[in-house]
Amino acid sequence: HLVESGGRLVQTGASLTLSCTASG
């Protein structure tokens, strides 16, 4: 089972980190 998080609205040039947790 995979669950992502971290997505959002940002401006050009910004940084963002997406995470995914795995279980099972």
PDBML (XML) file of the C-alpha atoms, coordinates in Angstrom:
<?xml version="1.0" encoding="UTF-8" ?>
<PDBx:datablock datablockName="MODEL"
   xmlns:PDBx="http://pdbml.pdb.org/schema/pdbx-v50.xsd"
   xmlns:xsi="http://www.w3.org/2001/XMLSchema-instance"
   xsi:schemaLocation="http://pdbml.pdb.org/schema/pdbx-v50.xsd pdbx-v50.xsd">
   <PDBx:atom_siteCategory>
      <PDBx:atom_site id="1">
         <PDBx:B_iso_or_equiv>0.00</PDBx:B_iso_or_equiv>
         <PDBx:Cartn_x>0.000</PDBx:Cartn_x>
         <PDBx:Cartn_y>0.000</PDBx:Cartn_y>
         <PDBx:Cartn_z>0.000</PDBx:Cartn_z>
         <PDBx:auth_asym_id>A</PDBx:auth_asym_id>
         <PDBx:auth_atom_id>CA</PDBx:auth_atom_id>
         <PDBx:auth_comp_id>HIS</PDBx:auth_comp_id>
         <PDBx:auth_seq_id>1</PDBx:auth_seq_id>
         <PDBx:group_PDB>ATOM</PDBx:group_PDB>
         <PDBx:label_alt_id xsi:nil="true" />
         <PDBx:label_asym_id>A</PDBx:label_asym_id>
         <PDBx:label_atom_id>CA</PDBx:label_atom_id>
         <PDBx:label_comp_id>HIS</PDBx:label_comp_id>
         <PDBx:label_entity_id>1</PDBx:label_entity_id>
         <PDBx:label_seq_id>1</PDBx:label_seq_id>
         <PDBx:occupancy>1.00</PDBx:occupancy>
         <PDBx:pdbx_PDB_model_num>1</PDBx:pdbx_PDB_model_num>
         <PDBx:type_symbol>C</PDBx:type_symbol>
      </PDBx:atom_site>
      <PDBx:atom_site id="2">
         <PDBx:B_iso_or_equiv>0.00</PDBx:B_iso_or_equiv>
         <PDBx:Cartn_x>1.433</PDBx:Cartn_x>
         <PDBx:Cartn_y>3.366</PDBx:Cartn_y>
         <PDBx:Cartn_z>-1.067</PDBx:Cartn_z>
         <PDBx:auth_asym_id>A</PDBx:auth_asym_id>
         <PDBx:auth_atom_id>CA</PDBx:auth_atom_id>
         <PDBx:auth_comp_id>LEU</PDBx:auth_comp_id>
         <PDBx:auth_seq_id>2</PDBx:auth_seq_id>
         <PDBx:group_PDB>ATOM</PDBx:group_PDB>
         <PDBx:label_alt_id xsi:nil="true" />
         <PDBx:label_asym_id>A</PDBx:label_asym_id>
         <PDBx:label_atom_id>CA</PDBx:label_atom_id>
         <PDBx:label_comp_id>LEU</PDBx:label_comp_id>
         <PDBx:label_entity_id>1</PDBx:label_entity_id>
         <PDBx:label_seq_id>2</PDBx:label_seq_id>
         <PDBx:occupancy>1.00</PDBx:occupancy>
         <PDBx:pdbx_PDB_model_num>1</PDBx:pdbx_PDB_model_num>
         <PDBx:type_symbol>C</PDBx:type_symbol>
      </PDBx:atom_site>
      <PDBx:atom_site id="3">
         <PDBx:B_iso_or_equiv>0.00</PDBx:B_iso_or_equiv>
         <PDBx:Cartn_x>0.388</PDBx:Cartn_x>
         <PDBx:Cartn_y>6.803</PDBx:Cartn_y>
         <PDBx:Cartn_z>0.132</PDBx:Cartn_z>
         <PDBx:auth_asym_id>A</PDBx:auth_asym_id>
         <PDBx:auth_atom_id>CA</PDBx:auth_atom_id>
         <PDBx:auth_comp_id>VAL</PDBx:auth_comp_id>
         <PDBx:auth_seq_id>3</PDBx:auth_seq_id>
         <PDBx:group_PDB>ATOM</PDBx:group_PDB>
         <PDBx:label_alt_id xsi:nil="true" />
         <PDBx:label_asym_id>A</PDBx:label_asym_id>
         <PDBx:label_atom_id>CA</PDBx:label_atom_id>
         <PDBx:label_comp_id>VAL</PDBx:label_comp_id>
         <PDBx:label_entity_id>1</PDBx:label_entity_id>
         <PDBx:label_seq_id>3</PDBx:label_seq_id>
         <PDBx:occupancy>1.00</PDBx:occupancy>
         <PDBx:pdbx_PDB_model_num>1</PDBx:pdbx_PDB_model_num>
         <PDBx:type_symbol>C</PDBx:type_symbol>
      </PDBx:atom_site>
      <PDBx:atom_site id="4">
         <PDBx:B_iso_or_equiv>0.00</PDBx:B_iso_or_equiv>
         <PDBx:Cartn_x>1.769</PDBx:Cartn_x>
         <PDBx:Cartn_y>10.033</PDBx:Cartn_y>
         <PDBx:Cartn_z>-1.321</PDBx:Cartn_z>
         <PDBx:auth_asym_id>A</PDBx:auth_asym_id>
         <PDBx:auth_atom_id>CA</PDBx:auth_atom_id>
         <PDBx:auth_comp_id>GLU</PDBx:auth_comp_id>
         <PDBx:auth_seq_id>4</PDBx:auth_seq_id>
         <PDBx:group_PDB>ATOM</PDBx:group_PDB>
         <PDBx:label_alt_id xsi:nil="true" />
         <PDBx:label_asym_id>A</PDBx:label_asym_id>
         <PDBx:label_atom_id>CA</PDBx:label_atom_id>
         <PDBx:label_comp_id>GLU</PDBx:label_comp_id>
         <PDBx:label_entity_id>1</PDBx:label_entity_id>
         <PDBx:label_seq_id>4</PDBx:label_seq_id>
         <PDBx:occupancy>1.00</PDBx:occupancy>
         <PDBx:pdbx_PDB_model_num>1</PDBx:pdbx_PDB_model_num>
         <PDBx:type_symbol>C</PDBx:type_symbol>
      </PDBx:atom_site>
      <PDBx:atom_site id="5">
         <PDBx:B_iso_or_equiv>0.00</PDBx:B_iso_or_equiv>
         <PDBx:Cartn_x>1.805</PDBx:Cartn_x>
         <PDBx:Cartn_y>13.436</PDBx:Cartn_y>
         <PDBx:Cartn_z>0.302</PDBx:Cartn_z>
         <PDBx:auth_asym_id>A</PDBx:auth_asym_id>
         <PDBx:auth_atom_id>CA</PDBx:auth_atom_id>
         <PDBx:auth_comp_id>SER</PDBx:auth_comp_id>
         <PDBx:auth_seq_id>5</PDBx:auth_seq_id>
         <PDBx:group_PDB>ATOM</PDBx:group_PDB>
         <PDBx:label_alt_id xsi:nil="true" />
         <PDBx:label_asym_id>A</PDBx:label_asym_id>
         <PDBx:label_atom_id>CA</PDBx:label_atom_id>
         <PDBx:label_comp_id>SER</PDBx:label_comp_id>
         <PDBx:label_entity_id>1</PDBx:label_entity_id>
         <PDBx:label_seq_id>5</PDBx:label_seq_id>
         <PDBx:occupancy>1.00</PDBx:occupancy>
         <PDBx:pdbx_PDB_model_num>1</PDBx:pdbx_PDB_model_num>
         <PDBx:type_symbol>C</PDBx:type_symbol>
      </PDBx:atom_site>
      <PDBx:atom_site id="6">
         <PDBx:B_iso_or_equiv>0.00</PDBx:B_iso_or_equiv>
         <PDBx:Cartn_x>3.294</PDBx:Cartn_x>
         <PDBx:Cartn_y>16.895</PDBx:Cartn_y>
         <PDBx:Cartn_z>-0.179</PDBx:Cartn_z>
         <PDBx:auth_asym_id>A</PDBx:auth_asym_id>
         <PDBx:auth_atom_id>CA</PDBx:auth_atom_id>
         <PDBx:auth_comp_id>GLY</PDBx:auth_comp_id>
         <PDBx:auth_seq_id>6</PDBx:auth_seq_id>
         <PDBx:group_PDB>ATOM</PDBx:group_PDB>
         <PDBx:label_alt_id xsi:nil="true" />
         <PDBx:label_asym_id>A</PDBx:label_asym_id>
         <PDBx:label_atom_id>CA</PDBx:label_atom_id>
         <PDBx:label_comp_id>GLY</PDBx:label_comp_id>
         <PDBx:label_entity_id>1</PDBx:label_entity_id>
         <PDBx:label_seq_id>6</PDBx:label_seq_id>
         <PDBx:occupancy>1.00</PDBx:occupancy>
         <PDBx:pdbx_PDB_model_num>1</PDBx:pdbx_PDB_model_num>
         <PDBx:type_symbol>C</PDBx:type_symbol>
      </PDBx:atom_site>
      <PDBx:atom_site id="7">
         <PDBx:B_iso_or_equiv>0.00</PDBx:B_iso_or_equiv>
         <PDBx:Cartn_x>1.656</PDBx:Cartn_x>
         <PDBx:Cartn_y>18.162</PDBx:Cartn_y>
         <PDBx:Cartn_z>-3.337</PDBx:Cartn_z>
         <PDBx:auth_asym_id>A</PDBx:auth_asym_id>
         <PDBx:auth_atom_id>CA</PDBx:auth_atom_id>
         <PDBx:auth_comp_id>GLY</PDBx:auth_comp_id>
         <PDBx:auth_seq_id>7</PDBx:auth_seq_id>
         <PDBx:group_PDB>ATOM</PDBx:group_PDB>
         <PDBx:label_alt_id xsi:nil="true" />
         <PDBx:label_asym_id>A</PDBx:label_asym_id>
         <PDBx:label_atom_id>CA</PDBx:label_atom_id>
         <PDBx:label_comp_id>GLY</PDBx:label_comp_id>
         <PDBx:label_entity_id>1</PDBx:label_entity_id>
         <PDBx:label_seq_id>7</PDBx:label_seq_id>
         <PDBx:occupancy>1.00</PDBx:occupancy>
         <PDBx:pdbx_PDB_model_num>1</PDBx:pdbx_PDB_model_num>
         <PDBx:type_symbol>C</PDBx:type_symbol>
      </PDBx:atom_site>
      <PDBx:atom_site id="8">
         <PDBx:B_iso_or_equiv>0.00</PDBx:B_iso_or_equiv>
         <PDBx:Cartn_x>0.411</PDBx:Cartn_x>
         <PDBx:Cartn_y>21.755</PDBx:Cartn_y>
         <PDBx:Cartn_z>-3.397</PDBx:Cartn_z>
         <PDBx:auth_asym_id>A</PDBx:auth_asym_id>
         <PDBx:auth_atom_id>CA</PDBx:auth_atom_id>
         <PDBx:auth_comp_id>ARG</PDBx:auth_comp_id>
         <PDBx:auth_seq_id>8</PDBx:auth_seq_id>
         <PDBx:group_PDB>ATOM</PDBx:group_PDB>
         <PDBx:label_alt_id xsi:nil="true" />
         <PDBx:label_asym_id>A</PDBx:label_asym_id>
         <PDBx:label_atom_id>CA</PDBx:label_atom_id>
         <PDBx:label_comp_id>ARG</PDBx:label_comp_id>
         <PDBx:label_entity_id>1</PDBx:label_entity_id>
         <PDBx:label_seq_id>8</PDBx:label_seq_id>
         <PDBx:occupancy>1.00</PDBx:occupancy>
         <PDBx:pdbx_PDB_model_num>1</PDBx:pdbx_PDB_model_num>
         <PDBx:type_symbol>C</PDBx:type_symbol>
      </PDBx:atom_site>
      <PDBx:atom_site id="9">
         <PDBx:B_iso_or_equiv>0.00</PDBx:B_iso_or_equiv>
         <PDBx:Cartn_x>0.322</PDBx:Cartn_x>
         <PDBx:Cartn_y>25.000</PDBx:Cartn_y>
         <PDBx:Cartn_z>-5.341</PDBx:Cartn_z>
         <PDBx:auth_asym_id>A</PDBx:auth_asym_id>
         <PDBx:auth_atom_id>CA</PDBx:auth_atom_id>
         <PDBx:auth_comp_id>LEU</PDBx:auth_comp_id>
         <PDBx:auth_seq_id>9</PDBx:auth_seq_id>
         <PDBx:group_PDB>ATOM</PDBx:group_PDB>
         <PDBx:label_alt_id xsi:nil="true" />
         <PDBx:label_asym_id>A</PDBx:label_asym_id>
         <PDBx:label_atom_id>CA</PDBx:label_atom_id>
         <PDBx:label_comp_id>LEU</PDBx:label_comp_id>
         <PDBx:label_entity_id>1</PDBx:label_entity_id>
         <PDBx:label_seq_id>9</PDBx:label_seq_id>
         <PDBx:occupancy>1.00</PDBx:occupancy>
         <PDBx:pdbx_PDB_model_num>1</PDBx:pdbx_PDB_model_num>
         <PDBx:type_symbol>C</PDBx:type_symbol>
      </PDBx:atom_site>
      <PDBx:atom_site id="10">
         <PDBx:B_iso_or_equiv>0.00</PDBx:B_iso_or_equiv>
         <PDBx:Cartn_x>3.683</PDBx:Cartn_x>
         <PDBx:Cartn_y>26.741</PDBx:Cartn_y>
         <PDBx:Cartn_z>-5.684</PDBx:Cartn_z>
         <PDBx:auth_asym_id>A</PDBx:auth_asym_id>
         <PDBx:auth_atom_id>CA</PDBx:auth_atom_id>
         <PDBx:auth_comp_id>VAL</PDBx:auth_comp_id>
         <PDBx:auth_seq_id>10</PDBx:auth_seq_id>
         <PDBx:group_PDB>ATOM</PDBx:group_PDB>
         <PDBx:label_alt_id xsi:nil="true" />
         <PDBx:label_asym_id>A</PDBx:label_asym_id>
         <PDBx:label_atom_id>CA</PDBx:label_atom_id>
         <PDBx:label_comp_id>VAL</PDBx:label_comp_id>
         <PDBx:label_entity_id>1</PDBx:label_entity_id>
         <PDBx:label_seq_id>10</PDBx:label_seq_id>
         <PDBx:occupancy>1.00</PDBx:occupancy>
         <PDBx:pdbx_PDB_model_num>1</PDBx:pdbx_PDB_model_num>
         <PDBx:type_symbol>C</PDBx:type_symbol>
      </PDBx:atom_site>
      <PDBx:atom_site id="11">
         <PDBx:B_iso_or_equiv>0.00</PDBx:B_iso_or_equiv>
         <PDBx:Cartn_x>5.204</PDBx:Cartn_x>
         <PDBx:Cartn_y>29.480</PDBx:Cartn_y>
         <PDBx:Cartn_z>-7.823</PDBx:Cartn_z>
         <PDBx:auth_asym_id>A</PDBx:auth_asym_id>
         <PDBx:auth_atom_id>CA</PDBx:auth_atom_id>
         <PDBx:auth_comp_id>GLN</PDBx:auth_comp_id>
         <PDBx:auth_seq_id>11</PDBx:auth_seq_id>
         <PDBx:group_PDB>ATOM</PDBx:group_PDB>
         <PDBx:label_alt_id xsi:nil="true" />
         <PDBx:label_asym_id>A</PDBx:label_asym_id>
         <PDBx:label_atom_id>CA</PDBx:label_atom_id>
         <PDBx:label_comp_id>GLN</PDBx:label_comp_id>
         <PDBx:label_entity_id>1</PDBx:label_entity_id>
         <PDBx:label_seq_id>11</PDBx:label_seq_id>
         <PDBx:occupancy>1.00</PDBx:occupancy>
         <PDBx:pdbx_PDB_model_num>1</PDBx:pdbx_PDB_model_num>
         <PDBx:type_symbol>C</PDBx:type_symbol>
      </PDBx:atom_site>
      <PDBx:atom_site id="12">
         <PDBx:B_iso_or_equiv>0.00</PDBx:B_iso_or_equiv>
         <PDBx:Cartn_x>7.730</PDBx:Cartn_x>
         <PDBx:Cartn_y>29.051</PDBx:Cartn_y>
         <PDBx:Cartn_z>-10.609</PDBx:Cartn_z>
         <PDBx:auth_asym_id>A</PDBx:auth_asym_id>
         <PDBx:auth_atom_id>CA</PDBx:auth_atom_id>
         <PDBx:auth_comp_id>THR</PDBx:auth_comp_id>
         <PDBx:auth_seq_id>12</PDBx:auth_seq_id>
         <PDBx:group_PDB>ATOM</PDBx:group_PDB>
         <PDBx:label_alt_id xsi:nil="true" />
         <PDBx:label_asym_id>A</PDBx:label_asym_id>
         <PDBx:label_atom_id>CA</PDBx:label_atom_id>
         <PDBx:label_comp_id>THR</PDBx:label_comp_id>
         <PDBx:label_entity_id>1</PDBx:label_entity_id>
         <PDBx:label_seq_id>12</PDBx:label_seq_id>
         <PDBx:occupancy>1.00</PDBx:occupancy>
         <PDBx:pdbx_PDB_model_num>1</PDBx:pdbx_PDB_model_num>
         <PDBx:type_symbol>C</PDBx:type_symbol>
      </PDBx:atom_site>
      <PDBx:atom_site id="13">
         <PDBx:B_iso_or_equiv>0.00</PDBx:B_iso_or_equiv>
         <PDBx:Cartn_x>11.191</PDBx:Cartn_x>
         <PDBx:Cartn_y>28.502</PDBx:Cartn_y>
         <PDBx:Cartn_z>-9.214</PDBx:Cartn_z>
         <PDBx:auth_asym_id>A</PDBx:auth_asym_id>
         <PDBx:auth_atom_id>CA</PDBx:auth_atom_id>
         <PDBx:auth_comp_id>GLY</PDBx:auth_comp_id>
         <PDBx:auth_seq_id>13</PDBx:auth_seq_id>
         <PDBx:group_PDB>ATOM</PDBx:group_PDB>
         <PDBx:label_alt_id xsi:nil="true" />
         <PDBx:label_asym_id>A</PDBx:label_asym_id>
         <PDBx:label_atom_id>CA</PDBx:label_atom_id>
         <PDBx:label_comp_id>GLY</PDBx:label_comp_id>
         <PDBx:label_entity_id>1</PDBx:label_entity_id>
         <PDBx:label_seq_id>13</PDBx:label_seq_id>
         <PDBx:occupancy>1.00</PDBx:occupancy>
         <PDBx:pdbx_PDB_model_num>1</PDBx:pdbx_PDB_model_num>
         <PDBx:type_symbol>C</PDBx:type_symbol>
      </PDBx:atom_site>
      <PDBx:atom_site id="14">
         <PDBx:B_iso_or_equiv>0.00</PDBx:B_iso_or_equiv>
         <PDBx:Cartn_x>9.993</PDBx:Cartn_x>
         <PDBx:Cartn_y>27.139</PDBx:Cartn_y>
         <PDBx:Cartn_z>-5.900</PDBx:Cartn_z>
         <PDBx:auth_asym_id>A</PDBx:auth_asym_id>
         <PDBx:auth_atom_id>CA</PDBx:auth_atom_id>
         <PDBx:auth_comp_id>ALA</PDBx:auth_comp_id>
         <PDBx:auth_seq_id>14</PDBx:auth_seq_id>
         <PDBx:group_PDB>ATOM</PDBx:group_PDB>
         <PDBx:label_alt_id xsi:nil="true" />
         <PDBx:label_asym_id>A</PDBx:label_asym_id>
         <PDBx:label_atom_id>CA</PDBx:label_atom_id>
         <PDBx:label_comp_id>ALA</PDBx:label_comp_id>
         <PDBx:label_entity_id>1</PDBx:label_entity_id>
         <PDBx:label_seq_id>14</PDBx:label_seq_id>
         <PDBx:occupancy>1.00</PDBx:occupancy>
         <PDBx:pdbx_PDB_model_num>1</PDBx:pdbx_PDB_model_num>
         <PDBx:type_symbol>C</PDBx:type_symbol>
      </PDBx:atom_site>
      <PDBx:atom_site id="15">
         <PDBx:B_iso_or_equiv>0.00</PDBx:B_iso_or_equiv>
         <PDBx:Cartn_x>11.005</PDBx:Cartn_x>
         <PDBx:Cartn_y>23.850</PDBx:Cartn_y>
         <PDBx:Cartn_z>-4.286</PDBx:Cartn_z>
         <PDBx:auth_asym_id>A</PDBx:auth_asym_id>
         <PDBx:auth_atom_id>CA</PDBx:auth_atom_id>
         <PDBx:auth_comp_id>SER</PDBx:auth_comp_id>
         <PDBx:auth_seq_id>15</PDBx:auth_seq_id>
         <PDBx:group_PDB>ATOM</PDBx:group_PDB>
         <PDBx:label_alt_id xsi:nil="true" />
         <PDBx:label_asym_id>A</PDBx:label_asym_id>
         <PDBx:label_atom_id>CA</PDBx:label_atom_id>
         <PDBx:label_comp_id>SER</PDBx:label_comp_id>
         <PDBx:label_entity_id>1</PDBx:label_entity_id>
         <PDBx:label_seq_id>15</PDBx:label_seq_id>
         <PDBx:occupancy>1.00</PDBx:occupancy>
         <PDBx:pdbx_PDB_model_num>1</PDBx:pdbx_PDB_model_num>
         <PDBx:type_symbol>C</PDBx:type_symbol>
      </PDBx:atom_site>
      <PDBx:atom_site id="16">
         <PDBx:B_iso_or_equiv>0.00</PDBx:B_iso_or_equiv>
         <PDBx:Cartn_x>8.744</PDBx:Cartn_x>
         <PDBx:Cartn_y>21.076</PDBx:Cartn_y>
         <PDBx:Cartn_z>-3.079</PDBx:Cartn_z>
         <PDBx:auth_asym_id>A</PDBx:auth_asym_id>
         <PDBx:auth_atom_id>CA</PDBx:auth_atom_id>
         <PDBx:auth_comp_id>LEU</PDBx:auth_comp_id>
         <PDBx:auth_seq_id>16</PDBx:auth_seq_id>
         <PDBx:group_PDB>ATOM</PDBx:group_PDB>
         <PDBx:label_alt_id xsi:nil="true" />
         <PDBx:label_asym_id>A</PDBx:label_asym_id>
         <PDBx:label_atom_id>CA</PDBx:label_atom_id>
         <PDBx:label_comp_id>LEU</PDBx:label_comp_id>
         <PDBx:label_entity_id>1</PDBx:label_entity_id>
         <PDBx:label_seq_id>16</PDBx:label_seq_id>
         <PDBx:occupancy>1.00</PDBx:occupancy>
         <PDBx:pdbx_PDB_model_num>1</PDBx:pdbx_PDB_model_num>
         <PDBx:type_symbol>C</PDBx:type_symbol>
      </PDBx:atom_site>
      <PDBx:atom_site id="17">
         <PDBx:B_iso_or_equiv>0.00</PDBx:B_iso_or_equiv>
         <PDBx:Cartn_x>9.264</PDBx:Cartn_x>
         <PDBx:Cartn_y>17.654</PDBx:Cartn_y>
         <PDBx:Cartn_z>-1.527</PDBx:Cartn_z>
         <PDBx:auth_asym_id>A</PDBx:auth_asym_id>
         <PDBx:auth_atom_id>CA</PDBx:auth_atom_id>
         <PDBx:auth_comp_id>THR</PDBx:auth_comp_id>
         <PDBx:auth_seq_id>17</PDBx:auth_seq_id>
         <PDBx:group_PDB>ATOM</PDBx:group_PDB>
         <PDBx:label_alt_id xsi:nil="true" />
         <PDBx:label_asym_id>A</PDBx:label_asym_id>
         <PDBx:label_atom_id>CA</PDBx:label_atom_id>
         <PDBx:label_comp_id>THR</PDBx:label_comp_id>
         <PDBx:label_entity_id>1</PDBx:label_entity_id>
         <PDBx:label_seq_id>17</PDBx:label_seq_id>
         <PDBx:occupancy>1.00</PDBx:occupancy>
         <PDBx:pdbx_PDB_model_num>1</PDBx:pdbx_PDB_model_num>
         <PDBx:type_symbol>C</PDBx:type_symbol>
      </PDBx:atom_site>
      <PDBx:atom_site id="18">
         <PDBx:B_iso_or_equiv>0.00</PDBx:B_iso_or_equiv>
         <PDBx:Cartn_x>6.906</PDBx:Cartn_x>
         <PDBx:Cartn_y>14.779</PDBx:Cartn_y>
         <PDBx:Cartn_z>-2.204</PDBx:Cartn_z>
         <PDBx:auth_asym_id>A</PDBx:auth_asym_id>
         <PDBx:auth_atom_id>CA</PDBx:auth_atom_id>
         <PDBx:auth_comp_id>LEU</PDBx:auth_comp_id>
         <PDBx:auth_seq_id>18</PDBx:auth_seq_id>
         <PDBx:group_PDB>ATOM</PDBx:group_PDB>
         <PDBx:label_alt_id xsi:nil="true" />
         <PDBx:label_asym_id>A</PDBx:label_asym_id>
         <PDBx:label_atom_id>CA</PDBx:label_atom_id>
         <PDBx:label_comp_id>LEU</PDBx:label_comp_id>
         <PDBx:label_entity_id>1</PDBx:label_entity_id>
         <PDBx:label_seq_id>18</PDBx:label_seq_id>
         <PDBx:occupancy>1.00</PDBx:occupancy>
         <PDBx:pdbx_PDB_model_num>1</PDBx:pdbx_PDB_model_num>
         <PDBx:type_symbol>C</PDBx:type_symbol>
      </PDBx:atom_site>
      <PDBx:atom_site id="19">
         <PDBx:B_iso_or_equiv>0.00</PDBx:B_iso_or_equiv>
         <PDBx:Cartn_x>6.839</PDBx:Cartn_x>
         <PDBx:Cartn_y>11.796</PDBx:Cartn_y>
         <PDBx:Cartn_z>0.131</PDBx:Cartn_z>
         <PDBx:auth_asym_id>A</PDBx:auth_asym_id>
         <PDBx:auth_atom_id>CA</PDBx:auth_atom_id>
         <PDBx:auth_comp_id>SER</PDBx:auth_comp_id>
         <PDBx:auth_seq_id>19</PDBx:auth_seq_id>
         <PDBx:group_PDB>ATOM</PDBx:group_PDB>
         <PDBx:label_alt_id xsi:nil="true" />
         <PDBx:label_asym_id>A</PDBx:label_asym_id>
         <PDBx:label_atom_id>CA</PDBx:label_atom_id>
         <PDBx:label_comp_id>SER</PDBx:label_comp_id>
         <PDBx:label_entity_id>1</PDBx:label_entity_id>
         <PDBx:label_seq_id>19</PDBx:label_seq_id>
         <PDBx:occupancy>1.00</PDBx:occupancy>
         <PDBx:pdbx_PDB_model_num>1</PDBx:pdbx_PDB_model_num>
         <PDBx:type_symbol>C</PDBx:type_symbol>
      </PDBx:atom_site>
      <PDBx:atom_site id="20">
         <PDBx:B_iso_or_equiv>0.00</PDBx:B_iso_or_equiv>
         <PDBx:Cartn_x>5.532</PDBx:Cartn_x>
         <PDBx:Cartn_y>8.271</PDBx:Cartn_y>
         <PDBx:Cartn_z>-0.247</PDBx:Cartn_z>
         <PDBx:auth_asym_id>A</PDBx:auth_asym_id>
         <PDBx:auth_atom_id>CA</PDBx:auth_atom_id>
         <PDBx:auth_comp_id>CYS</PDBx:auth_comp_id>
         <PDBx:auth_seq_id>20</PDBx:auth_seq_id>
         <PDBx:group_PDB>ATOM</PDBx:group_PDB>
         <PDBx:label_alt_id xsi:nil="true" />
         <PDBx:label_asym_id>A</PDBx:label_asym_id>
         <PDBx:label_atom_id>CA</PDBx:label_atom_id>
         <PDBx:label_comp_id>CYS</PDBx:label_comp_id>
         <PDBx:label_entity_id>1</PDBx:label_entity_id>
         <PDBx:label_seq_id>20</PDBx:label_seq_id>
         <PDBx:occupancy>1.00</PDBx:occupancy>
         <PDBx:pdbx_PDB_model_num>1</PDBx:pdbx_PDB_model_num>
         <PDBx:type_symbol>C</PDBx:type_symbol>
      </PDBx:atom_site>
      <PDBx:atom_site id="21">
         <PDBx:B_iso_or_equiv>0.00</PDBx:B_iso_or_equiv>
         <PDBx:Cartn_x>5.099</PDBx:Cartn_x>
         <PDBx:Cartn_y>5.787</PDBx:Cartn_y>
         <PDBx:Cartn_z>2.547</PDBx:Cartn_z>
         <PDBx:auth_asym_id>A</PDBx:auth_asym_id>
         <PDBx:auth_atom_id>CA</PDBx:auth_atom_id>
         <PDBx:auth_comp_id>THR</PDBx:auth_comp_id>
         <PDBx:auth_seq_id>21</PDBx:auth_seq_id>
         <PDBx:group_PDB>ATOM</PDBx:group_PDB>
         <PDBx:label_alt_id xsi:nil="true" />
         <PDBx:label_asym_id>A</PDBx:label_asym_id>
         <PDBx:label_atom_id>CA</PDBx:label_atom_id>
         <PDBx:label_comp_id>THR</PDBx:label_comp_id>
         <PDBx:label_entity_id>1</PDBx:label_entity_id>
         <PDBx:label_seq_id>21</PDBx:label_seq_id>
         <PDBx:occupancy>1.00</PDBx:occupancy>
         <PDBx:pdbx_PDB_model_num>1</PDBx:pdbx_PDB_model_num>
         <PDBx:type_symbol>C</PDBx:type_symbol>
      </PDBx:atom_site>
      <PDBx:atom_site id="22">
         <PDBx:B_iso_or_equiv>0.00</PDBx:B_iso_or_equiv>
         <PDBx:Cartn_x>4.915</PDBx:Cartn_x>
         <PDBx:Cartn_y>2.067</PDBx:Cartn_y>
         <PDBx:Cartn_z>1.858</PDBx:Cartn_z>
         <PDBx:auth_asym_id>A</PDBx:auth_asym_id>
         <PDBx:auth_atom_id>CA</PDBx:auth_atom_id>
         <PDBx:auth_comp_id>ALA</PDBx:auth_comp_id>
         <PDBx:auth_seq_id>22</PDBx:auth_seq_id>
         <PDBx:group_PDB>ATOM</PDBx:group_PDB>
         <PDBx:label_alt_id xsi:nil="true" />
         <PDBx:label_asym_id>A</PDBx:label_asym_id>
         <PDBx:label_atom_id>CA</PDBx:label_atom_id>
         <PDBx:label_comp_id>ALA</PDBx:label_comp_id>
         <PDBx:label_entity_id>1</PDBx:label_entity_id>
         <PDBx:label_seq_id>22</PDBx:label_seq_id>
         <PDBx:occupancy>1.00</PDBx:occupancy>
         <PDBx:pdbx_PDB_model_num>1</PDBx:pdbx_PDB_model_num>
         <PDBx:type_symbol>C</PDBx:type_symbol>
      </PDBx:atom_site>
      <PDBx:atom_site id="23">
         <PDBx:B_iso_or_equiv>0.00</PDBx:B_iso_or_equiv>
         <PDBx:Cartn_x>3.250</PDBx:Cartn_x>
         <PDBx:Cartn_y>-0.571</PDBx:Cartn_y>
         <PDBx:Cartn_z>3.993</PDBx:Cartn_z>
         <PDBx:auth_asym_id>A</PDBx:auth_asym_id>
         <PDBx:auth_atom_id>CA</PDBx:auth_atom_id>
         <PDBx:auth_comp_id>SER</PDBx:auth_comp_id>
         <PDBx:auth_seq_id>23</PDBx:auth_seq_id>
         <PDBx:group_PDB>ATOM</PDBx:group_PDB>
         <PDBx:label_alt_id xsi:nil="true" />
         <PDBx:label_asym_id>A</PDBx:label_asym_id>
         <PDBx:label_atom_id>CA</PDBx:label_atom_id>
         <PDBx:label_comp_id>SER</PDBx:label_comp_id>
         <PDBx:label_entity_id>1</PDBx:label_entity_id>
         <PDBx:label_seq_id>23</PDBx:label_seq_id>
         <PDBx:occupancy>1.00</PDBx:occupancy>
         <PDBx:pdbx_PDB_model_num>1</PDBx:pdbx_PDB_model_num>
         <PDBx:type_symbol>C</PDBx:type_symbol>
      </PDBx:atom_site>
      <PDBx:atom_site id="24">
         <PDBx:B_iso_or_equiv>0.00</PDBx:B_iso_or_equiv>
         <PDBx:Cartn_x>2.450</PDBx:Cartn_x>
         <PDBx:Cartn_y>-4.245</PDBx:Cartn_y>
         <PDBx:Cartn_z>3.653</PDBx:Cartn_z>
         <PDBx:auth_asym_id>A</PDBx:auth_asym_id>
         <PDBx:auth_atom_id>CA</PDBx:auth_atom_id>
         <PDBx:auth_comp_id>GLY</PDBx:auth_comp_id>
         <PDBx:auth_seq_id>24</PDBx:auth_seq_id>
         <PDBx:group_PDB>ATOM</PDBx:group_PDB>
         <PDBx:label_alt_id xsi:nil="true" />
         <PDBx:label_asym_id>A</PDBx:label_asym_id>
         <PDBx:label_atom_id>CA</PDBx:label_atom_id>
         <PDBx:label_comp_id>GLY</PDBx:label_comp_id>
         <PDBx:label_entity_id>1</PDBx:label_entity_id>
         <PDBx:label_seq_id>24</PDBx:label_seq_id>
         <PDBx:occupancy>1.00</PDBx:occupancy>
         <PDBx:pdbx_PDB_model_num>1</PDBx:pdbx_PDB_model_num>
         <PDBx:type_symbol>C</PDBx:type_symbol>
      </PDBx:atom_site>
   </PDBx:atom_siteCategory>
</PDBx:datablock>
